[in-house]
Amino acid sequence: MADHVHMLLSVPPKYGVSQVVGYIKGKSAIHLARTSAERKRNFVGQHFWAKGCFVSTVGRDEEAIRAYIRNREKEDARLKQLALWR
């Protein structure tokens, strides 16, 4: 998505969810800064990702959540088309 990311992760019990999310956000921000912004070193005080995240457990509905993530971009495009007629 243009302004956010959907992910379905399995986090082992020995790691905290916030620890895993922080790691992913940190490493991806560094990677994107180096590849997109062509920066060769990290810059302290700059932010790429917004603070916070939404986390939920999957339980029995894992396949429904996988389908939601898989089809989200198509659904957003469909809703934008419908909004043109308002």
PDB file of N, CA and C in Angstrom:
ATOM      1  N   MET A   1       0.841  -1.170   0.000  1.00  0.00           N
ATOM      2  CA  MET A   1       0.000   0.000   0.000  1.00  0.00           C
ATOM      3  C   MET A   1       0.892   1.241   0.000  1.00  0.00           C
ATOM      4  N   ALA A   2       0.343   2.319  -0.456  1.00  0.00           N
ATOM      5  CA  ALA A   2       1.132   3.551  -0.565  1.00  0.00           C
ATOM      6  C   ALA A   2       1.505   4.138   0.786  1.00  0.00           C
ATOM      7  N   ASP A   3       0.644   3.975   1.788  1.00  0.00           N
ATOM      8  CA  ASP A   3       0.902   4.641   3.053  1.00  0.00           C
ATOM      9  C   ASP A   3       0.966   3.719   4.262  1.00  0.00           C
ATOM     10  N   HIS A   4       0.887   2.412   4.059  1.00  0.00           N
ATOM     11  CA  HIS A   4       1.013   1.484   5.178  1.00  0.00           C
ATOM     12  C   HIS A   4       1.333   0.078   4.672  1.00  0.00           C
ATOM     13  N   VAL A   5       1.647  -0.798   5.589  1.00  0.00           N
ATOM     14  CA  VAL A   5       2.052  -2.164   5.250  1.00  0.00           C
ATOM     15  C   VAL A   5       1.205  -3.146   6.049  1.00  0.00           C
ATOM     16  N   HIS A   6       0.727  -4.187   5.373  1.00  0.00           N
ATOM     17  CA  HIS A   6       0.067  -5.296   6.058  1.00  0.00           C
ATOM     18  C   HIS A   6       1.045  -6.457   6.103  1.00  0.00           C
ATOM     19  N   MET A   7       1.167  -7.101   7.246  1.00  0.00           N
ATOM     20  CA  MET A   7       2.056  -8.257   7.378  1.00  0.00           C
ATOM     21  C   MET A   7       1.380  -9.305   8.252  1.00  0.00           C
ATOM     22  N   LEU A   8       1.616 -10.563   7.931  1.00  0.00           N
ATOM     23  CA  LEU A   8       1.165 -11.663   8.768  1.00  0.00           C
ATOM     24  C   LEU A   8       2.424 -12.378   9.226  1.00  0.00           C
ATOM     25  N   LEU A   9       2.716 -12.268  10.514  1.00  0.00           N
ATOM     26  CA  LEU A   9       3.952 -12.809  11.070  1.00  0.00           C
ATOM     27  C   LEU A   9       3.659 -13.838  12.147  1.00  0.00           C
ATOM     28  N   SER A  10       4.563 -14.757  12.292  1.00  0.00           N
ATOM     29  CA  SER A  10       4.542 -15.682  13.417  1.00  0.00           C
ATOM     30  C   SER A  10       5.709 -15.310  14.317  1.00  0.00           C
ATOM     31  N   VAL A  11       5.405 -14.912  15.534  1.00  0.00           N
ATOM     32  CA  VAL A  11       6.433 -14.458  16.469  1.00  0.00           C
ATOM     33  C   VAL A  11       6.603 -15.519  17.558  1.00  0.00           C
ATOM     34  N   PRO A  12       7.810 -16.072  17.695  1.00  0.00           N
ATOM     35  CA  PRO A  12       8.043 -17.055  18.767  1.00  0.00           C
ATOM     36  C   PRO A  12       7.811 -16.425  20.137  1.00  0.00           C
ATOM     37  N   PRO A  13       7.345 -17.207  21.096  1.00  0.00           N
ATOM     38  CA  PRO A  13       7.030 -16.660  22.428  1.00  0.00           C
ATOM     39  C   PRO A  13       8.198 -15.992  23.141  1.00  0.00           C
ATOM     40  N   LYS A  14       9.425 -16.341  22.784  1.00  0.00           N
ATOM     41  CA  LYS A  14      10.566 -15.745  23.489  1.00  0.00           C
ATOM     42  C   LYS A  14      10.825 -14.297  23.069  1.00  0.00           C
ATOM     43  N   TYR A  15      10.156 -13.816  21.996  1.00  0.00           N
ATOM     44  CA  TYR A  15      10.309 -12.433  21.544  1.00  0.00           C
ATOM     45  C   TYR A  15       9.031 -11.663  21.811  1.00  0.00           C
ATOM     46  N   GLY A  16       9.164 -10.431  22.196  1.00  0.00           N
ATOM     47  CA  GLY A  16       8.005  -9.568  22.356  1.00  0.00           C
ATOM     48  C   GLY A  16       7.573  -9.031  20.999  1.00  0.00           C
ATOM     49  N   VAL A  17       6.273  -8.845  20.822  1.00  0.00           N
ATOM     50  CA  VAL A  17       5.762  -8.338  19.550  1.00  0.00           C
ATOM     51  C   VAL A  17       6.354  -6.961  19.253  1.00  0.00           C
ATOM     52  N   SER A  18       6.403  -6.090  20.254  1.00  0.00           N
ATOM     53  CA  SER A  18       6.953  -4.746  20.024  1.00  0.00           C
ATOM     54  C   SER A  18       8.429  -4.811  19.634  1.00  0.00           C
ATOM     55  N   GLN A  19       9.158  -5.781  20.183  1.00  0.00           N
ATOM     56  CA  GLN A  19      10.568  -5.962  19.842  1.00  0.00           C
ATOM     57  C   GLN A  19      10.704  -6.349  18.362  1.00  0.00           C
ATOM     58  N   VAL A  20       9.878  -7.265  17.903  1.00  0.00           N
ATOM     59  CA  VAL A  20       9.933  -7.717  16.505  1.00  0.00           C
ATOM     60  C   VAL A  20       9.520  -6.589  15.559  1.00  0.00           C
ATOM     61  N   VAL A  21       8.436  -5.901  15.879  1.00  0.00           N
ATOM     62  CA  VAL A  21       7.978  -4.803  15.031  1.00  0.00           C
ATOM     63  C   VAL A  21       9.031  -3.694  14.985  1.00  0.00           C
ATOM     64  N   GLY A  22       9.616  -3.365  16.127  1.00  0.00           N
ATOM     65  CA  GLY A  22      10.667  -2.349  16.162  1.00  0.00           C
ATOM     66  C   GLY A  22      11.863  -2.735  15.315  1.00  0.00           C
ATOM     67  N   TYR A  23      12.236  -3.996  15.364  1.00  0.00           N
ATOM     68  CA  TYR A  23      13.363  -4.488  14.562  1.00  0.00           C
ATOM     69  C   TYR A  23      13.057  -4.362  13.072  1.00  0.00           C
ATOM     70  N   ILE A  24      11.868  -4.810  12.666  1.00  0.00           N
ATOM     71  CA  ILE A  24      11.485  -4.747  11.252  1.00  0.00           C
ATOM     72  C   ILE A  24      11.426  -3.300  10.775  1.00  0.00           C
ATOM     73  N   LYS A  25      10.822  -2.420  11.563  1.00  0.00           N
ATOM     74  CA  LYS A  25      10.720  -1.019  11.171  1.00  0.00           C
ATOM     75  C   LYS A  25      12.102  -0.371  11.094  1.00  0.00           C
ATOM     76  N   GLY A  26      12.961  -0.681  12.049  1.00  0.00           N
ATOM     77  CA  GLY A  26      14.298  -0.092  12.053  1.00  0.00           C
ATOM     78  C   GLY A  26      15.143  -0.542  10.877  1.00  0.00           C
ATOM     79  N   LYS A  27      15.199  -1.857  10.668  1.00  0.00           N
ATOM     80  CA  LYS A  27      16.023  -2.390   9.575  1.00  0.00           C
ATOM     81  C   LYS A  27      15.486  -1.986   8.211  1.00  0.00           C
ATOM     82  N   SER A  28      14.164  -1.962   8.050  1.00  0.00           N
ATOM     83  CA  SER A  28      13.604  -1.571   6.751  1.00  0.00           C
ATOM     84  C   SER A  28      13.827  -0.083   6.481  1.00  0.00           C
ATOM     85  N   ALA A  29      13.751   0.752   7.510  1.00  0.00           N
ATOM     86  CA  ALA A  29      14.006   2.184   7.331  1.00  0.00           C
ATOM     87  C   ALA A  29      15.452   2.428   6.903  1.00  0.00           C
ATOM     88  N   ILE A  30      16.379   1.721   7.525  1.00  0.00           N
ATOM     89  CA  ILE A  30      17.790   1.850   7.142  1.00  0.00           C
ATOM     90  C   ILE A  30      17.990   1.404   5.701  1.00  0.00           C
ATOM     91  N   HIS A  31      17.398   0.262   5.340  1.00  0.00           N
ATOM     92  CA  HIS A  31      17.535  -0.258   3.979  1.00  0.00           C
ATOM     93  C   HIS A  31      16.948   0.719   2.956  1.00  0.00           C
ATOM     94  N   LEU A  32      15.742   1.224   3.233  1.00  0.00           N
ATOM     95  CA  LEU A  32      15.114   2.150   2.289  1.00  0.00           C
ATOM     96  C   LEU A  32      15.891   3.458   2.174  1.00  0.00           C
ATOM     97  N   ALA A  33      16.426   3.937   3.274  1.00  0.00           N
ATOM     98  CA  ALA A  33      17.223   5.167   3.222  1.00  0.00           C
ATOM     99  C   ALA A  33      18.477   4.961   2.381  1.00  0.00           C
ATOM    100  N   ARG A  34      19.080   3.799   2.506  1.00  0.00           N
ATOM    101  CA  ARG A  34      20.311   3.535   1.747  1.00  0.00           C
ATOM    102  C   ARG A  34      20.045   3.278   0.270  1.00  0.00           C
ATOM    103  N   THR A  35      18.934   2.645  -0.055  1.00  0.00           N
ATOM    104  CA  THR A  35      18.664   2.317  -1.459  1.00  0.00           C
ATOM    105  C   THR A  35      17.883   3.420  -2.176  1.00  0.00           C
ATOM    106  N   SER A  36      16.899   3.999  -1.519  1.00  0.00           N
ATOM    107  CA  SER A  36      16.068   5.024  -2.171  1.00  0.00           C
ATOM    108  C   SER A  36      16.668   6.410  -2.051  1.00  0.00           C
ATOM    109  N   ALA A  37      17.137   6.757  -0.862  1.00  0.00           N
ATOM    110  CA  ALA A  37      17.684   8.096  -0.643  1.00  0.00           C
ATOM    111  C   ALA A  37      19.196   8.138  -0.888  1.00  0.00           C
ATOM    112  N   GLU A  38      19.768   7.004  -1.234  1.00  0.00           N
ATOM    113  CA  GLU A  38      21.200   6.878  -1.530  1.00  0.00           C
ATOM    114  C   GLU A  38      22.076   7.407  -0.405  1.00  0.00           C
ATOM    115  N   ARG A  39      21.686   7.107   0.812  1.00  0.00           N
ATOM    116  CA  ARG A  39      22.488   7.500   1.966  1.00  0.00           C
ATOM    117  C   ARG A  39      23.408   6.349   2.327  1.00  0.00           C
ATOM    118  N   LYS A  40      24.633   6.673   2.622  1.00  0.00           N
ATOM    119  CA  LYS A  40      25.613   5.638   2.938  1.00  0.00           C
ATOM    120  C   LYS A  40      25.747   5.398   4.437  1.00  0.00           C
ATOM    121  N   ARG A  41      25.168   6.276   5.250  1.00  0.00           N
ATOM    122  CA  ARG A  41      25.228   6.087   6.689  1.00  0.00           C
ATOM    123  C   ARG A  41      23.891   6.478   7.300  1.00  0.00           C
ATOM    124  N   ASN A  42      23.687   6.102   8.526  1.00  0.00           N
ATOM    125  CA  ASN A  42      22.433   6.411   9.214  1.00  0.00           C
ATOM    126  C   ASN A  42      22.447   7.852   9.709  1.00  0.00           C
ATOM    127  N   PHE A  43      21.282   8.479   9.691  1.00  0.00           N
ATOM    128  CA  PHE A  43      21.151   9.840  10.172  1.00  0.00           C
ATOM    129  C   PHE A  43      20.274   9.833  11.407  1.00  0.00           C
ATOM    130  N   VAL A  44      20.829  10.236  12.523  1.00  0.00           N
ATOM    131  CA  VAL A  44      20.111  10.247  13.788  1.00  0.00           C
ATOM    132  C   VAL A  44      19.062  11.355  13.760  1.00  0.00           C
ATOM    133  N   GLY A  45      17.896  11.081  14.328  1.00  0.00           N
ATOM    134  CA  GLY A  45      16.860  12.095  14.449  1.00  0.00           C
ATOM    135  C   GLY A  45      15.876  12.145  13.309  1.00  0.00           C
ATOM    136  N   GLN A  46      16.083  11.365  12.257  1.00  0.00           N
ATOM    137  CA  GLN A  46      15.133  11.340  11.154  1.00  0.00           C
ATOM    138  C   GLN A  46      14.225  10.131  11.310  1.00  0.00           C
ATOM    139  N   HIS A  47      12.984  10.258  10.858  1.00  0.00           N
ATOM    140  CA  HIS A  47      12.005   9.193  11.026  1.00  0.00           C
ATOM    141  C   HIS A  47      11.433   8.801   9.677  1.00  0.00           C
ATOM    142  N   PHE A  48      11.327   7.501   9.450  1.00  0.00           N
ATOM    143  CA  PHE A  48      10.726   7.003   8.221  1.00  0.00           C
ATOM    144  C   PHE A  48       9.316   6.490   8.490  1.00  0.00           C
ATOM    145  N   TRP A  49       9.192   5.617   9.477  1.00  0.00           N
ATOM    146  CA  TRP A  49       7.898   5.034   9.833  1.00  0.00           C
ATOM    147  C   TRP A  49       7.207   5.882  10.895  1.00  0.00           C
ATOM    148  N   ALA A  50       5.891   5.837  10.903  1.00  0.00           N
ATOM    149  CA  ALA A  50       5.129   6.496  11.955  1.00  0.00           C
ATOM    150  C   ALA A  50       5.313   5.723  13.253  1.00  0.00           C
ATOM    151  N   LYS A  51       5.126   6.403  14.367  1.00  0.00           N
ATOM    152  CA  LYS A  51       5.202   5.721  15.656  1.00  0.00           C
ATOM    153  C   LYS A  51       3.992   4.811  15.808  1.00  0.00           C
ATOM    154  N   GLY A  52       4.215   3.679  16.446  1.00  0.00           N
ATOM    155  CA  GLY A  52       3.112   2.777  16.742  1.00  0.00           C
ATOM    156  C   GLY A  52       2.796   1.816  15.621  1.00  0.00           C
ATOM    157  N   CYS A  53       1.890   0.902  15.919  1.00  0.00           N
ATOM    158  CA  CYS A  53       1.435  -0.088  14.956  1.00  0.00           C
ATOM    159  C   CYS A  53       0.159  -0.733  15.496  1.00  0.00           C
ATOM    160  N   PHE A  54      -0.524  -1.469  14.651  1.00  0.00           N
ATOM    161  CA  PHE A  54      -1.687  -2.240  15.080  1.00  0.00           C
ATOM    162  C   PHE A  54      -1.299  -3.705  15.035  1.00  0.00           C
ATOM    163  N   VAL A  55      -1.575  -4.418  16.107  1.00  0.00           N
ATOM    164  CA  VAL A  55      -1.246  -5.845  16.197  1.00  0.00           C
ATOM    165  C   VAL A  55      -2.470  -6.577  16.715  1.00  0.00           C
ATOM    166  N   SER A  56      -2.713  -7.742  16.135  1.00  0.00           N
ATOM    167  CA  SER A  56      -3.820  -8.578  16.587  1.00  0.00           C
ATOM    168  C   SER A  56      -3.410 -10.041  16.452  1.00  0.00           C
ATOM    169  N   THR A  57      -4.069 -10.899  17.196  1.00  0.00           N
ATOM    170  CA  THR A  57      -3.802 -12.329  17.062  1.00  0.00           C
ATOM    171  C   THR A  57      -4.680 -12.910  15.968  1.00  0.00           C
ATOM    172  N   VAL A  58      -4.248 -14.017  15.413  1.00  0.00           N
ATOM    173  CA  VAL A  58      -4.944 -14.626  14.287  1.00  0.00           C
ATOM    174  C   VAL A  58      -5.927 -15.685  14.745  1.00  0.00           C
ATOM    175  N   GLY A  59      -5.490 -16.614  15.549  1.00  0.00           N
ATOM    176  CA  GLY A  59      -6.364 -17.705  15.979  1.00  0.00           C
ATOM    177  C   GLY A  59      -6.791 -18.584  14.834  1.00  0.00           C
ATOM    178  N   ARG A  60      -8.073 -18.902  14.786  1.00  0.00           N
ATOM    179  CA  ARG A  60      -8.598 -19.822  13.784  1.00  0.00           C
ATOM    180  C   ARG A  60      -8.794 -19.184  12.423  1.00  0.00           C
ATOM    181  N   ASP A  61      -8.746 -17.863  12.317  1.00  0.00           N
ATOM    182  CA  ASP A  61      -9.072 -17.160  11.077  1.00  0.00           C
ATOM    183  C   ASP A  61      -7.851 -16.812  10.225  1.00  0.00           C
ATOM    184  N   GLU A  62      -6.796 -17.587  10.306  1.00  0.00           N
ATOM    185  CA  GLU A  62      -5.572 -17.249   9.577  1.00  0.00           C
ATOM    186  C   GLU A  62      -5.819 -17.137   8.077  1.00  0.00           C
ATOM    187  N   GLU A  63      -6.537 -18.049   7.483  1.00  0.00           N
ATOM    188  CA  GLU A  63      -6.767 -17.989   6.038  1.00  0.00           C
ATOM    189  C   GLU A  63      -7.587 -16.764   5.649  1.00  0.00           C
ATOM    190  N   ALA A  64      -8.553 -16.377   6.479  1.00  0.00           N
ATOM    191  CA  ALA A  64      -9.342 -15.169   6.199  1.00  0.00           C
ATOM    192  C   ALA A  64      -8.451 -13.931   6.244  1.00  0.00           C
ATOM    193  N   ILE A  65      -7.528 -13.898   7.172  1.00  0.00           N
ATOM    194  CA  ILE A  65      -6.612 -12.749   7.272  1.00  0.00           C
ATOM    195  C   ILE A  65      -5.647 -12.739   6.100  1.00  0.00           C
ATOM    196  N   ARG A  66      -5.162 -13.913   5.711  1.00  0.00           N
ATOM    197  CA  ARG A  66      -4.305 -13.985   4.515  1.00  0.00           C
ATOM    198  C   ARG A  66      -5.040 -13.455   3.285  1.00  0.00           C
ATOM    199  N   ALA A  67      -6.296 -13.833   3.115  1.00  0.00           N
ATOM    200  CA  ALA A  67      -7.092 -13.366   1.982  1.00  0.00           C
ATOM    201  C   ALA A  67      -7.299 -11.854   2.054  1.00  0.00           C
ATOM    202  N   TYR A  68      -7.569 -11.342   3.255  1.00  0.00           N
ATOM    203  CA  TYR A  68      -7.737  -9.900   3.435  1.00  0.00           C
ATOM    204  C   TYR A  68      -6.486  -9.153   2.979  1.00  0.00           C
ATOM    205  N   ILE A  69      -5.324  -9.599   3.425  1.00  0.00           N
ATOM    206  CA  ILE A  69      -4.070  -8.941   3.051  1.00  0.00           C
ATOM    207  C   ILE A  69      -3.846  -9.050   1.546  1.00  0.00           C
ATOM    208  N   ARG A  70      -4.080 -10.227   0.998  1.00  0.00           N
ATOM    209  CA  ARG A  70      -3.863 -10.485  -0.423  1.00  0.00           C
ATOM    210  C   ARG A  70      -4.758  -9.594  -1.294  1.00  0.00           C
ATOM    211  N   ASN A  71      -5.996  -9.354  -0.862  1.00  0.00           N
ATOM    212  CA  ASN A  71      -6.967  -8.637  -1.686  1.00  0.00           C
ATOM    213  C   ASN A  71      -7.143  -7.168  -1.310  1.00  0.00           C
ATOM    214  N   ARG A  72      -6.408  -6.689  -0.340  1.00  0.00           N
ATOM    215  CA  ARG A  72      -6.599  -5.330   0.167  1.00  0.00           C
ATOM    216  C   ARG A  72      -6.368  -4.271  -0.902  1.00  0.00           C
ATOM    217  N   GLU A  73      -5.331  -4.397  -1.699  1.00  0.00           N
ATOM    218  CA  GLU A  73      -5.027  -3.383  -2.702  1.00  0.00           C
ATOM    219  C   GLU A  73      -6.141  -3.307  -3.751  1.00  0.00           C
ATOM    220  N   LYS A  74      -6.662  -4.453  -4.174  1.00  0.00           N
ATOM    221  CA  LYS A  74      -7.768  -4.468  -5.131  1.00  0.00           C
ATOM    222  C   LYS A  74      -9.015  -3.819  -4.539  1.00  0.00           C
ATOM    223  N   GLU A  75      -9.285  -4.107  -3.277  1.00  0.00           N
ATOM    224  CA  GLU A  75     -10.461  -3.540  -2.618  1.00  0.00           C
ATOM    225  C   GLU A  75     -10.342  -2.025  -2.467  1.00  0.00           C
ATOM    226  N   ASP A  76      -9.160  -1.535  -2.128  1.00  0.00           N
ATOM    227  CA  ASP A  76      -8.959  -0.087  -2.013  1.00  0.00           C
ATOM    228  C   ASP A  76      -9.159   0.602  -3.359  1.00  0.00           C
ATOM    229  N   ALA A  77      -8.672  -0.017  -4.434  1.00  0.00           N
ATOM    230  CA  ALA A  77      -8.860   0.551  -5.769  1.00  0.00           C
ATOM    231  C   ALA A  77     -10.341   0.575  -6.129  1.00  0.00           C
ATOM    232  N   ARG A  78     -11.072  -0.476  -5.774  1.00  0.00           N
ATOM    233  CA  ARG A  78     -12.512  -0.538  -6.049  1.00  0.00           C
ATOM    234  C   ARG A  78     -13.256   0.567  -5.285  1.00  0.00           C
ATOM    235  N   LEU A  79     -12.895   0.769  -4.022  1.00  0.00           N
ATOM    236  CA  LEU A  79     -13.547   1.804  -3.217  1.00  0.00           C
ATOM    237  C   LEU A  79     -13.248   3.206  -3.751  1.00  0.00           C
ATOM    238  N   LYS A  80     -12.039   3.414  -4.261  1.00  0.00           N
ATOM    239  CA  LYS A  80     -11.703   4.718  -4.852  1.00  0.00           C
ATOM    240  C   LYS A  80     -12.550   4.971  -6.089  1.00  0.00           C
ATOM    241  N   GLN A  81     -12.780   3.932  -6.901  1.00  0.00           N
ATOM    242  CA  GLN A  81     -13.620   4.072  -8.081  1.00  0.00           C
ATOM    243  C   GLN A  81     -15.052   4.435  -7.682  1.00  0.00           C
ATOM    244  N   LEU A  82     -15.573   3.788  -6.633  1.00  0.00           N
ATOM    245  CA  LEU A  82     -16.924   4.098  -6.171  1.00  0.00           C
ATOM    246  C   LEU A  82     -17.019   5.532  -5.666  1.00  0.00           C
ATOM    247  N   ALA A  83     -15.956   6.029  -5.049  1.00  0.00           N
ATOM    248  CA  ALA A  83     -15.958   7.383  -4.499  1.00  0.00           C
ATOM    249  C   ALA A  83     -16.020   8.438  -5.603  1.00  0.00           C
ATOM    250  N   LEU A  84     -15.618   8.094  -6.799  1.00  0.00           N
ATOM    251  CA  LEU A  84     -15.676   9.050  -7.910  1.00  0.00           C
ATOM    252  C   LEU A  84     -17.113   9.440  -8.246  1.00  0.00           C
ATOM    253  N   TRP A  85     -18.052   8.589  -7.949  1.00  0.00           N
ATOM    254  CA  TRP A  85     -19.453   8.834  -8.295  1.00  0.00           C
ATOM    255  C   TRP A  85     -20.208   9.589  -7.213  1.00  0.00           C
ATOM    256  N   ARG A  86     -19.570   9.949  -6.153  1.00  0.00           N
ATOM    257  CA  ARG A  86     -20.245  10.676  -5.073  1.00  0.00           C
ATOM    258  C   ARG A  86     -20.281  12.152  -5.331  1.00  0.00           C
TER     259      ARG A  86
END
